Amino acid sequence: MIQTHNNVCEKILYKKDGVLTKTPKRKFATLDLAVIEAKRLNMNEKQIHKAVAYKCATCGLYHVGKNNTLITDKYLRKLKKQYV
């Protein structure tokens, strides 16, 4: 089955007043580009949970999402050494 890139991938957000909103997810053409973006997000001091790249089953492209892994100081030092 050939996947088309026209499918809309959305993230669901709940606002403080309980209203459900949907926004389109950012799409990346390659895994490498998504990984670079995930690492950039992980270097943000306010980021608590690690951002990771994944292939989307809906559109066949790549997105960045958060998982439940906490960002450690050791991982943060490694990232800063690579990219700063």
N, C-alpha and C. Protein backbone atom coordinates (compact mmCIF):
# COMPACT_ATOMS: atom_id res chain seq x y z
N MET A 1 0.83 -1.18 0.00
CA MET A 1 0.00 0.00 0.00
C MET A 1 0.88 1.25 0.00
N ILE A 2 0.65 2.17 -0.89
CA ILE A 2 1.41 3.40 -0.98
C ILE A 2 0.75 4.45 -0.11
N GLN A 3 1.55 5.05 0.75
CA GLN A 3 1.03 6.07 1.64
C GLN A 3 1.11 7.44 0.96
N THR A 4 0.07 8.21 1.08
CA THR A 4 0.09 9.56 0.55
C THR A 4 0.45 10.52 1.67
N HIS A 5 0.96 11.67 1.30
CA HIS A 5 1.38 12.66 2.29
C HIS A 5 0.32 13.73 2.49
N ASN A 6 -0.89 13.50 2.02
CA ASN A 6 -1.96 14.49 2.14
C ASN A 6 -2.78 14.32 3.41
N ASN A 7 -2.58 13.22 4.12
CA ASN A 7 -3.35 12.99 5.35
C ASN A 7 -2.96 14.03 6.40
N VAL A 8 -3.92 14.47 7.14
CA VAL A 8 -3.67 15.47 8.17
C VAL A 8 -3.43 14.76 9.49
N CYS A 9 -2.28 15.04 10.07
CA CYS A 9 -1.97 14.51 11.40
C CYS A 9 -2.13 15.66 12.38
N GLU A 10 -2.90 15.42 13.43
CA GLU A 10 -3.20 16.48 14.38
C GLU A 10 -2.87 16.06 15.80
N LYS A 11 -2.46 17.05 16.59
CA LYS A 11 -2.31 16.79 18.01
C LYS A 11 -3.50 17.43 18.71
N ILE A 12 -3.97 16.75 19.72
CA ILE A 12 -5.14 17.22 20.46
C ILE A 12 -4.67 17.91 21.72
N LEU A 13 -5.15 19.11 21.92
CA LEU A 13 -4.79 19.90 23.09
C LEU A 13 -6.05 20.24 23.87
N TYR A 14 -5.95 20.19 25.18
CA TYR A 14 -7.04 20.62 26.04
C TYR A 14 -6.63 21.94 26.69
N LYS A 15 -7.43 22.95 26.52
CA LYS A 15 -7.14 24.23 27.14
C LYS A 15 -7.64 24.23 28.58
N LYS A 16 -7.26 25.24 29.31
CA LYS A 16 -7.63 25.33 30.72
C LYS A 16 -9.13 25.29 30.95
N ASP A 17 -9.89 25.84 30.01
CA ASP A 17 -11.35 25.85 30.18
C ASP A 17 -11.99 24.54 29.73
N GLY A 18 -11.17 23.53 29.37
CA GLY A 18 -11.69 22.23 28.99
C GLY A 18 -12.05 22.09 27.53
N VAL A 19 -11.82 23.13 26.75
CA VAL A 19 -12.15 23.10 25.33
C VAL A 19 -11.09 22.29 24.58
N LEU A 20 -11.56 21.41 23.73
CA LEU A 20 -10.69 20.56 22.94
C LEU A 20 -10.30 21.30 21.66
N THR A 21 -9.01 21.37 21.38
CA THR A 21 -8.55 21.99 20.14
C THR A 21 -7.60 21.03 19.44
N LYS A 22 -7.52 21.15 18.13
CA LYS A 22 -6.60 20.33 17.35
C LYS A 22 -5.71 21.24 16.53
N THR A 23 -4.43 20.90 16.49
CA THR A 23 -3.49 21.64 15.66
C THR A 23 -2.70 20.64 14.82
N PRO A 24 -2.31 21.03 13.62
CA PRO A 24 -1.55 20.10 12.78
C PRO A 24 -0.16 19.83 13.36
N LYS A 25 0.28 18.59 13.25
CA LYS A 25 1.62 18.24 13.69
C LYS A 25 2.62 18.69 12.63
N ARG A 26 3.81 19.03 13.07
CA ARG A 26 4.87 19.41 12.15
C ARG A 26 5.42 18.15 11.50
N LYS A 27 5.59 18.18 10.18
CA LYS A 27 6.03 17.00 9.44
C LYS A 27 7.48 17.18 9.00
N PHE A 28 8.24 16.08 9.05
CA PHE A 28 9.62 16.06 8.60
C PHE A 28 9.75 14.98 7.53
N ALA A 29 10.49 15.28 6.48
CA ALA A 29 10.62 14.35 5.36
C ALA A 29 11.50 13.15 5.70
N THR A 30 12.47 13.33 6.59
CA THR A 30 13.38 12.24 6.94
C THR A 30 13.47 12.08 8.46
N LEU A 31 13.89 10.91 8.86
CA LEU A 31 14.10 10.64 10.28
C LEU A 31 15.22 11.52 10.83
N ASP A 32 16.27 11.73 10.04
CA ASP A 32 17.40 12.55 10.50
C ASP A 32 16.95 13.97 10.84
N LEU A 33 16.10 14.56 10.01
CA LEU A 33 15.61 15.91 10.29
C LEU A 33 14.77 15.94 11.56
N ALA A 34 13.96 14.92 11.76
CA ALA A 34 13.13 14.85 12.96
C ALA A 34 13.99 14.66 14.21
N VAL A 35 15.04 13.87 14.11
CA VAL A 35 15.94 13.64 15.25
C VAL A 35 16.65 14.93 15.62
N ILE A 36 17.10 15.69 14.63
CA ILE A 36 17.76 16.97 14.90
C ILE A 36 16.81 17.92 15.63
N GLU A 37 15.55 17.97 15.19
CA GLU A 37 14.57 18.82 15.86
C GLU A 37 14.30 18.34 17.29
N ALA A 38 14.22 17.04 17.49
CA ALA A 38 13.99 16.50 18.84
C ALA A 38 15.15 16.88 19.76
N LYS A 39 16.37 16.78 19.28
CA LYS A 39 17.53 17.15 20.10
C LYS A 39 17.52 18.64 20.41
N ARG A 40 17.13 19.47 19.43
CA ARG A 40 17.04 20.90 19.66
C ARG A 40 16.02 21.21 20.76
N LEU A 41 14.89 20.54 20.70
CA LEU A 41 13.86 20.73 21.73
C LEU A 41 14.35 20.26 23.10
N ASN A 42 15.10 19.18 23.12
CA ASN A 42 15.59 18.63 24.39
C ASN A 42 16.61 19.54 25.07
N MET A 43 17.25 20.43 24.32
CA MET A 43 18.22 21.36 24.91
C MET A 43 17.54 22.54 25.60
N ASN A 44 16.24 22.70 25.41
CA ASN A 44 15.50 23.76 26.06
C ASN A 44 15.45 23.49 27.57
N GLU A 45 15.81 24.48 28.36
CA GLU A 45 15.87 24.30 29.81
C GLU A 45 14.52 23.98 30.43
N LYS A 46 13.43 24.38 29.78
CA LYS A 46 12.09 24.11 30.32
C LYS A 46 11.57 22.72 29.96
N GLN A 47 12.25 22.04 29.06
CA GLN A 47 11.84 20.70 28.63
C GLN A 47 12.14 19.70 29.74
N ILE A 48 11.15 18.96 30.15
CA ILE A 48 11.32 17.98 31.23
C ILE A 48 11.39 16.57 30.66
N HIS A 49 10.46 16.24 29.77
CA HIS A 49 10.41 14.91 29.17
C HIS A 49 11.09 14.93 27.81
N LYS A 50 11.77 13.87 27.51
CA LYS A 50 12.54 13.78 26.28
C LYS A 50 11.64 13.78 25.05
N ALA A 51 12.00 14.61 24.06
CA ALA A 51 11.32 14.61 22.77
C ALA A 51 11.98 13.55 21.89
N VAL A 52 11.18 12.82 21.15
CA VAL A 52 11.70 11.75 20.30
C VAL A 52 11.06 11.84 18.91
N ALA A 53 11.79 11.35 17.92
CA ALA A 53 11.28 11.32 16.54
C ALA A 53 10.62 9.96 16.30
N TYR A 54 9.56 9.96 15.48
CA TYR A 54 8.90 8.70 15.14
C TYR A 54 8.26 8.81 13.77
N LYS A 55 8.08 7.65 13.14
CA LYS A 55 7.42 7.61 11.84
C LYS A 55 5.92 7.47 12.06
N CYS A 56 5.16 8.29 11.35
CA CYS A 56 3.72 8.33 11.50
C CYS A 56 3.06 7.27 10.63
N ALA A 57 2.17 6.51 11.20
CA ALA A 57 1.44 5.49 10.45
C ALA A 57 0.36 6.11 9.57
N THR A 58 -0.05 7.32 9.87
CA THR A 58 -1.10 7.99 9.10
C THR A 58 -0.56 8.60 7.81
N CYS A 59 0.51 9.38 7.92
CA CYS A 59 1.00 10.11 6.75
C CYS A 59 2.28 9.54 6.16
N GLY A 60 2.97 8.68 6.90
CA GLY A 60 4.20 8.08 6.40
C GLY A 60 5.42 8.98 6.56
N LEU A 61 5.23 10.17 7.12
CA LEU A 61 6.35 11.07 7.37
C LEU A 61 6.76 10.96 8.84
N TYR A 62 7.59 11.87 9.29
CA TYR A 62 8.12 11.81 10.66
C TYR A 62 7.63 13.00 11.46
N HIS A 63 7.39 12.76 12.75
CA HIS A 63 6.97 13.79 13.69
C HIS A 63 7.87 13.71 14.92
N VAL A 64 7.75 14.70 15.78
CA VAL A 64 8.46 14.70 17.05
C VAL A 64 7.41 14.75 18.15
N GLY A 65 7.56 13.87 19.13
CA GLY A 65 6.64 13.84 20.26
C GLY A 65 7.41 13.61 21.54
N LYS A 66 6.74 13.75 22.64
CA LYS A 66 7.38 13.55 23.95
C LYS A 66 7.06 12.15 24.45
N ASN A 67 8.02 11.58 25.18
CA ASN A 67 7.73 10.33 25.87
C ASN A 67 7.87 10.57 27.37
N ASN A 68 7.76 9.57 28.17
CA ASN A 68 7.78 9.76 29.63
C ASN A 68 9.17 9.69 30.23
N THR A 69 10.21 9.66 29.40
CA THR A 69 11.58 9.61 29.91
C THR A 69 12.02 11.01 30.30
N LEU A 70 12.52 11.15 31.52
CA LEU A 70 13.00 12.44 31.98
C LEU A 70 14.36 12.75 31.37
N ILE A 71 14.60 14.00 31.08
CA ILE A 71 15.90 14.43 30.56
C ILE A 71 16.86 14.52 31.73
N THR A 72 17.96 13.81 31.65
CA THR A 72 18.96 13.82 32.72
C THR A 72 20.02 14.88 32.44
N ASP A 73 20.71 15.28 33.48
CA ASP A 73 21.81 16.24 33.32
C ASP A 73 22.89 15.67 32.42
N LYS A 74 23.15 14.38 32.54
CA LYS A 74 24.17 13.72 31.71
C LYS A 74 23.80 13.82 30.23
N TYR A 75 22.54 13.55 29.89
CA TYR A 75 22.09 13.63 28.50
C TYR A 75 22.16 15.07 27.99
N LEU A 76 21.79 16.02 28.83
CA LEU A 76 21.83 17.43 28.46
C LEU A 76 23.26 17.89 28.19
N ARG A 77 24.19 17.47 29.02
CA ARG A 77 25.60 17.81 28.79
C ARG A 77 26.10 17.23 27.46
N LYS A 78 25.70 16.02 27.18
CA LYS A 78 26.08 15.35 25.92
C LYS A 78 25.55 16.13 24.71
N LEU A 79 24.29 16.55 24.77
CA LEU A 79 23.70 17.31 23.68
C LEU A 79 24.41 18.64 23.48
N LYS A 80 24.64 19.33 24.56
CA LYS A 80 25.29 20.64 24.46
C LYS A 80 26.70 20.52 23.92
N LYS A 81 27.37 19.45 24.26
CA LYS A 81 28.72 19.20 23.74
C LYS A 81 28.68 18.98 22.23
N GLN A 82 27.64 18.30 21.74
CA GLN A 82 27.50 18.02 20.31
C GLN A 82 27.12 19.24 19.51
N TYR A 83 26.24 20.08 20.03
CA TYR A 83 25.62 21.12 19.23
C TYR A 83 25.99 22.55 19.59
N VAL A 84 26.72 22.74 20.65
CA VAL A 84 27.06 24.12 21.03
C VAL A 84 28.52 24.39 20.79
